[in-house]
Protein backbone atom coordinates (compact mmCIF):
# COMPACT_ATOMS: atom_id res chain seq x y z
CA MET A 1 135.10 68.57 157.84
CA ASN A 2 137.81 66.29 159.00
CA ILE A 3 140.58 68.67 160.20
CA LEU A 4 143.19 65.85 160.06
CA LYS A 5 143.00 66.02 156.26
CA LYS A 6 144.33 69.51 156.40
CA PRO A 7 147.59 69.50 158.42
CA PHE A 8 148.15 73.23 158.28
CA PHE A 9 144.55 73.89 159.49
CA VAL A 10 145.37 71.78 162.49
CA LEU A 11 148.14 74.26 163.50
CA VAL A 12 145.90 77.26 162.83
CA PHE A 13 143.10 75.63 164.86
CA ILE A 14 145.37 75.18 167.84
CA VAL A 15 146.03 78.94 167.76
CA LEU A 16 142.48 80.07 167.29
CA SER A 17 140.72 77.70 169.67
CA VAL A 18 142.47 78.67 172.89
CA LYS A 19 142.65 81.98 174.75
CA ALA A 20 146.41 81.77 175.15
CA PHE A 21 148.71 80.01 172.73
CA ALA A 22 151.62 78.58 174.74
CA GLN A 23 154.99 79.01 173.12
CA GLN A 24 156.84 75.73 173.62
CA ASP A 25 160.62 75.55 173.72
CA ALA A 26 162.23 74.04 170.60
CA GLN A 27 162.53 70.27 170.51
CA PHE A 28 166.14 69.07 170.43
CA GLY A 29 166.99 65.47 169.99
CA GLN A 30 170.77 65.97 170.16
CA TYR A 31 170.81 67.74 173.54
CA VAL A 32 172.88 64.74 174.67
CA PHE A 33 175.89 66.11 172.77
CA ASN A 34 175.49 69.73 173.97
CA GLY A 35 173.50 70.19 177.16
CA MET A 36 173.74 73.95 177.09
CA TYR A 37 170.60 73.94 174.86
CA ILE A 38 168.59 73.05 177.92
CA ASN A 39 170.83 73.96 180.90
CA PRO A 40 173.14 77.02 181.32
CA ALA A 41 175.15 75.07 183.99
CA TYR A 42 176.56 72.92 181.14
CA ALA A 43 178.56 75.88 179.80
CA GLY A 44 182.22 75.07 179.81
CA TYR A 45 181.65 71.35 180.45
CA LYS A 46 183.87 70.20 177.64
CA GLU A 47 186.59 72.51 179.00
CA GLU A 48 187.42 73.54 175.41
CA LEU A 49 186.36 76.40 173.20
CA TYR A 50 183.49 74.66 171.47
CA LEU A 51 181.29 75.89 168.64
CA GLN A 52 178.15 74.11 167.44
CA ALA A 53 175.46 74.70 164.80
CA PHE A 54 172.16 72.81 164.93
CA ALA A 55 169.14 72.60 162.62
CA ARG A 56 165.90 70.64 162.92
CA ALA A 57 162.97 70.23 160.58
CA GLN A 58 160.04 68.65 162.38
CA TRP A 59 157.10 66.90 160.78
CA THR A 60 158.45 67.42 157.21
CA GLY A 61 155.65 67.50 154.62
CA VAL A 62 153.27 69.39 156.95
CA ARG A 63 152.83 73.03 156.02
CA GLY A 64 153.77 75.31 158.94
CA ALA A 65 155.55 72.57 160.85
CA PRO A 66 158.27 73.59 163.36
CA GLN A 67 161.69 74.54 162.07
CA THR A 68 164.56 75.32 164.41
CA LEU A 69 168.02 76.76 163.92
CA SER A 70 170.58 77.31 166.76
CA ILE A 71 174.23 78.31 167.12
CA SER A 72 176.27 78.19 170.36
CA ALA A 73 179.74 78.67 171.72
CA ASP A 74 181.07 77.96 175.14
CA GLU A 75 184.43 77.71 177.04
CA ALA A 76 185.86 77.05 180.46
CA ILE A 77 187.97 79.88 181.85
CA ASN A 78 189.70 80.95 185.12
CA ASP A 79 191.40 77.57 185.65
CA GLU A 80 188.17 75.94 184.45
CA SER A 81 186.26 77.21 187.55
CA LEU A 82 183.92 79.30 185.27
CA GLY A 83 182.05 78.37 182.15
CA ILE A 84 180.89 80.99 179.69
CA GLY A 85 178.61 80.45 176.72
CA MET A 86 176.38 82.08 174.17
CA ILE A 87 173.38 80.60 172.38
CA VAL A 88 171.07 81.97 169.75
CA THR A 89 168.00 79.99 168.63
CA GLU A 90 165.33 80.72 166.04
CA ASP A 91 162.15 78.63 166.18
CA LYS A 92 159.21 78.84 163.70
CA ILE A 93 155.87 77.12 163.89
CA GLY A 94 153.07 78.17 161.51
CA ALA A 95 152.59 81.94 161.80
CA GLN A 96 154.65 82.13 165.00
CA ASN A 97 158.38 82.99 165.12
CA THR A 98 160.56 83.13 168.22
CA LEU A 99 164.14 84.39 168.41
CA ASN A 100 166.06 83.73 171.59
CA ALA A 101 169.57 84.93 172.50
CA SER A 102 171.11 84.13 175.86
CA ALA A 103 174.54 84.71 177.58
CA ASN A 104 175.33 81.91 180.06
CA LEU A 105 177.61 81.71 183.07
CA ALA A 106 178.38 78.55 185.06
CA TYR A 107 180.23 78.40 188.40
CA ARG A 108 182.03 75.13 188.43
CA ILE A 109 183.11 73.52 191.72
CA LYS A 110 185.71 70.73 191.60
CA LEU A 111 184.75 68.26 194.30
CA ASP A 112 187.95 66.20 194.40
CA ARG A 113 191.62 66.38 193.62
CA THR A 114 191.24 64.46 190.38
CA GLU A 115 189.07 67.40 189.15
CA THR A 116 186.67 64.93 187.55
CA ASN A 117 183.70 65.35 189.95
CA ILE A 118 182.26 68.78 189.13
CA LEU A 119 179.14 70.49 190.41
CA ALA A 120 178.09 73.54 188.37
CA PHE A 121 175.54 76.24 188.98
CA GLY A 122 174.43 78.10 185.87
CA LEU A 123 172.57 81.30 185.05
CA GLY A 124 171.51 82.61 181.58
CA LEU A 125 170.39 86.13 180.81
CA GLY A 126 168.99 87.16 177.44
CA VAL A 127 166.05 88.32 175.36
CA ILE A 128 163.13 86.66 173.53
CA GLN A 129 161.55 88.20 170.53
CA ALA A 130 158.15 86.63 169.83
CA SER A 131 156.17 87.45 166.72
CA LEU A 132 153.00 86.52 164.94
CA ASN A 133 152.38 86.94 161.27
CA GLY A 134 148.67 87.43 160.63
CA ASN A 135 149.16 87.10 156.86
CA MET A 136 149.83 83.43 157.33
CA LEU A 137 146.59 82.77 159.17
CA ASP A 138 143.43 81.91 157.27
CA PRO A 139 140.33 83.31 159.08
CA ILE A 140 137.37 81.13 159.64
CA GLU A 141 135.15 84.13 159.14
CA LEU A 142 135.97 87.11 156.91
CA GLY A 143 136.78 90.20 158.86
CA ASP A 144 137.86 88.35 161.99
CA ASN A 145 139.38 91.05 164.05
CA ARG A 146 141.22 88.57 166.21
CA ILE A 147 143.84 88.11 163.46
CA PRO A 148 146.37 90.94 163.10
CA THR A 149 147.12 92.62 159.77
CA GLY A 150 150.75 91.92 159.03
CA SER A 151 153.16 90.97 161.85
CA THR A 152 153.09 91.93 165.50
CA SER A 153 156.01 91.31 167.81
CA GLN A 154 157.40 92.00 171.26
CA THR A 155 160.83 91.59 172.81
CA LEU A 156 160.96 90.39 176.39
CA PRO A 157 163.77 89.76 178.93
CA ASP A 158 164.55 86.15 179.67
CA ILE A 159 166.32 84.30 182.47
CA ARG A 160 167.28 80.64 182.73
CA ALA A 161 168.94 78.78 185.65
CA GLY A 162 170.27 75.25 186.25
CA ILE A 163 172.42 72.91 188.24
CA HIS A 164 174.62 70.18 186.68
CA TYR A 165 176.75 67.39 188.32
CA SER A 166 179.15 65.28 186.28
CA ASN A 167 182.06 62.91 186.51
CA GLU A 168 183.79 60.87 183.84
CA LYS A 169 180.94 58.37 183.58
CA PHE A 170 177.77 60.07 184.94
CA PHE A 171 175.82 63.25 184.75
CA ILE A 172 172.56 64.64 186.06
CA GLY A 173 171.10 68.10 185.63
CA PHE A 174 167.97 70.18 186.40
CA SER A 175 167.14 73.47 184.76
CA ALA A 176 164.35 76.01 184.09
CA ASN A 177 164.00 78.31 181.09
CA ASN A 178 161.74 81.25 180.25
CA LEU A 179 161.46 82.27 183.93
CA PHE A 180 160.23 85.77 182.94
CA SER A 181 156.91 84.43 181.59
CA LYS A 182 154.67 87.13 180.02
CA THR A 183 151.87 87.34 177.58
CA LEU A 184 152.21 88.97 174.18
CA SER A 185 148.82 90.29 173.31
CA VAL A 186 147.89 91.00 169.68
CA PHE A 187 145.21 93.47 170.60
CA ASP A 188 144.89 95.54 173.72
CA ASP A 189 141.09 95.41 173.67
CA TYR A 190 140.56 91.81 172.63
CA ASN A 191 143.23 89.25 173.57
CA SER A 192 141.62 86.05 172.45
CA LEU A 193 144.57 85.54 170.07
CA ASN A 194 147.95 86.02 171.78
CA LEU A 195 151.29 84.39 172.42
CA LYS A 196 152.45 83.34 175.92
CA ILE A 197 155.99 82.46 176.83
CA GLN A 198 155.85 79.54 179.24
CA PRO A 199 158.53 78.45 181.73
CA HIS A 200 159.98 75.09 180.93
CA PHE A 201 161.64 72.61 183.27
CA TYR A 202 164.16 69.91 182.40
CA LEU A 203 165.57 66.96 184.33
CA SER A 204 168.19 64.96 182.55
CA ALA A 205 170.70 62.23 183.46
CA GLY A 206 172.85 59.65 181.84
CA VAL A 207 175.64 57.16 182.46
CA ALA A 208 178.53 55.82 180.35
CA LEU A 209 179.20 52.08 180.84
CA PRO A 210 182.35 50.76 179.20
CA VAL A 211 181.73 47.37 177.58
CA ASN A 212 185.28 46.73 176.47
CA ASP A 213 188.19 48.72 174.91
CA ASP A 214 186.10 49.42 171.73
CA PHE A 215 182.55 50.09 172.99
CA VAL A 216 180.89 52.31 175.50
CA PHE A 217 177.10 51.99 176.23
CA LYS A 218 175.38 55.21 177.27
CA PRO A 219 171.68 55.31 178.33
CA THR A 220 170.13 58.74 179.03
CA PHE A 221 166.77 60.32 179.71
CA LEU A 222 165.22 63.80 179.54
CA ILE A 223 161.99 64.81 181.25
CA LYS A 224 160.52 68.09 179.96
CA ASP A 225 157.54 69.93 181.44
CA ASP A 226 155.87 73.35 181.04
CA LEU A 227 153.13 72.92 183.81
CA HIS A 228 150.35 73.12 181.26
CA GLY A 229 150.93 70.67 178.32
CA PRO A 230 151.82 66.95 178.48
CA THR A 231 154.97 66.05 180.31
CA SER A 232 157.45 64.66 177.74
CA LEU A 233 159.91 61.84 178.38
CA ASP A 234 162.86 61.06 176.04
CA LEU A 235 164.62 57.68 176.50
CA ASN A 236 167.94 57.26 174.72
CA ALA A 237 170.39 54.48 174.33
CA PHE A 238 173.74 55.02 172.63
CA LEU A 239 176.78 53.00 171.68
CA LEU A 240 180.20 54.66 171.25
CA VAL A 241 182.41 52.68 168.79
CA LYS A 242 186.16 53.10 169.17
CA GLU A 243 185.68 56.66 170.44
CA ARG A 244 184.88 57.72 166.88
CA PHE A 245 181.23 57.04 166.24
CA TRP A 246 177.97 57.33 168.27
CA LEU A 247 174.84 55.45 167.20
CA GLY A 248 171.74 55.47 169.27
CA ALA A 249 168.00 55.05 169.47
CA VAL A 250 165.40 57.49 170.92
CA TYR A 251 161.87 56.91 172.21
CA ARG A 252 159.76 59.91 172.99
CA THR A 253 156.46 59.69 174.91
CA SER A 254 154.31 61.60 177.39
CA VAL A 255 154.06 60.61 180.97
CA LYS A 256 151.69 61.44 183.82
CA ILE A 257 153.78 62.67 186.77
CA TYR A 258 151.04 64.80 188.37
CA PRO A 259 147.43 65.71 187.58
CA LYS A 260 146.75 68.27 184.80
CA ASP A 261 143.07 69.01 184.62
CA ASN A 262 143.30 70.98 181.40
CA LEU A 263 144.52 68.10 179.30
CA GLN A 264 142.21 66.24 176.93
CA SER A 265 141.47 62.68 178.07
CA GLY A 266 142.29 59.77 175.75
CA LEU A 267 145.26 61.34 174.04
CA THR A 268 147.94 58.98 172.67
CA SER A 269 151.00 58.96 174.93
CA ARG A 270 153.41 57.70 172.30
CA ALA A 271 155.06 60.52 170.33
CA ALA A 272 158.06 59.39 168.36
CA LEU A 273 160.70 56.76 167.66
CA GLY A 274 164.01 57.41 165.93
CA PHE A 275 167.78 57.22 165.86
CA ILE A 276 170.71 59.71 166.39
CA SER A 277 174.24 59.31 165.18
CA GLU A 278 177.44 61.36 165.56
CA LEU A 279 180.80 61.00 163.84
CA PHE A 280 184.17 62.33 165.03
CA VAL A 281 185.47 63.22 161.49
CA ARG A 282 188.55 64.49 163.22
CA SER A 283 189.45 64.71 166.90
CA ASN A 284 188.11 68.28 166.98
CA LEU A 285 185.18 67.93 164.48
CA ARG A 286 181.81 66.29 165.20
CA ILE A 287 178.99 65.85 162.73
CA GLY A 288 175.63 64.49 163.95
CA TYR A 289 172.29 63.44 162.24
CA GLY A 290 169.08 62.41 163.82
CA TYR A 291 165.69 61.15 162.51
CA ASP A 292 162.52 60.38 164.28
CA TYR A 293 159.09 59.23 163.15
CA SER A 294 155.76 60.03 164.69
CA LEU A 295 153.90 57.23 166.45
CA ASN A 296 150.54 59.02 166.50
CA LYS A 297 147.98 60.02 163.87
CA LEU A 298 150.35 62.63 162.56
CA SER A 299 152.43 59.85 160.95
CA ASN A 300 149.78 59.62 158.23
CA TYR A 301 150.66 63.15 157.00
CA ASP A 302 154.35 63.87 157.69
CA TYR A 303 157.62 62.27 156.63
CA GLY A 304 159.36 62.35 159.96
CA SER A 305 161.69 64.86 161.59
CA HIS A 306 165.34 65.50 160.64
CA GLU A 307 168.08 67.24 162.50
CA ILE A 308 171.73 67.88 161.85
CA SER A 309 174.52 69.28 163.96
CA VAL A 310 178.11 70.28 163.45
CA GLY A 311 180.45 70.78 166.37
CA TYR A 312 184.06 72.13 166.32
CA TYR A 313 186.68 72.38 169.03
CA ILE A 314 189.06 75.38 168.58
CA GLU A 315 192.44 74.20 169.77
CA THR A 316 194.25 76.43 172.22
CA LYS A 317 197.48 76.03 174.29
CA LYS A 318 195.52 74.34 177.11
CA SER A 319 193.68 72.06 174.81
CA ARG A 320 193.41 68.44 175.94
CA ARG A 321 191.68 65.52 174.46
CA PRO A 322 188.00 66.50 173.99
CA LYS A 323 185.48 64.78 176.25
CA CYS A 324 183.29 62.61 174.09
CA TYR A 325 181.10 60.70 176.56
CA PHE A 326 178.73 63.73 177.23
């Protein structure tokens, strides 16, 4: 049987064919507009009370494909020397569901009198609830005791940490999530089918290059790694038009930074190609949309990935013009 003809079976096969199923962090294409998704040190960066909701449907048309929903809020306080933020994310893939809630604190050091060069150290504390619904799994053999009856779940503590440097035209950040890695075993006496929360590491950077009074060019990149799966590289190029509209392209691929003996040889490195846009409907309201299309064999079975975001600045007495470059 050709498993590629049954996209949902592919997802189930991934779970059943390995001893530990690694829970991957959710994919975010619009991290460039809210870095707190990947780095707690970003909390308070916009120096405004900022709310954002985000939704992504990946590989639409494939049964059991990933779906992600996230909401966040962050603000700079104490003369903008501290950033505080809260983020809640739900991620579903096949029979697996992960709910993550994290409170974030960033200590922001102003490196010069202009208060534009800022070095931030961030820490996030929260919980992860990982669950597996056995009713959504089709056993290869009847009576397969590796598949649980109904749902099994476990709640684990979580910690994330990061560092972030920025000025008016440049940023760079490094962060690590899921630092309390632990296995969620479905059965105590036979753990061939289980969930494992894996640490993830992120390196991101970008620069804003003014072209003229109406246009700003912003290239960025993101490297994502979990020490076990392929290392992912996102390359982005954006153009800001009259400080009202962002339009950009994204290319996602895997890269070989260091040897990983557990990876299958001959895998296609190209992953996806797409675009991201964001419109300032008003000075305090941002709406974004992104689409990417698979460049591997999955493109024969899915209709691409879609994501939308809505961001809102709550105006306060200290409100200034919102930062729009990053």
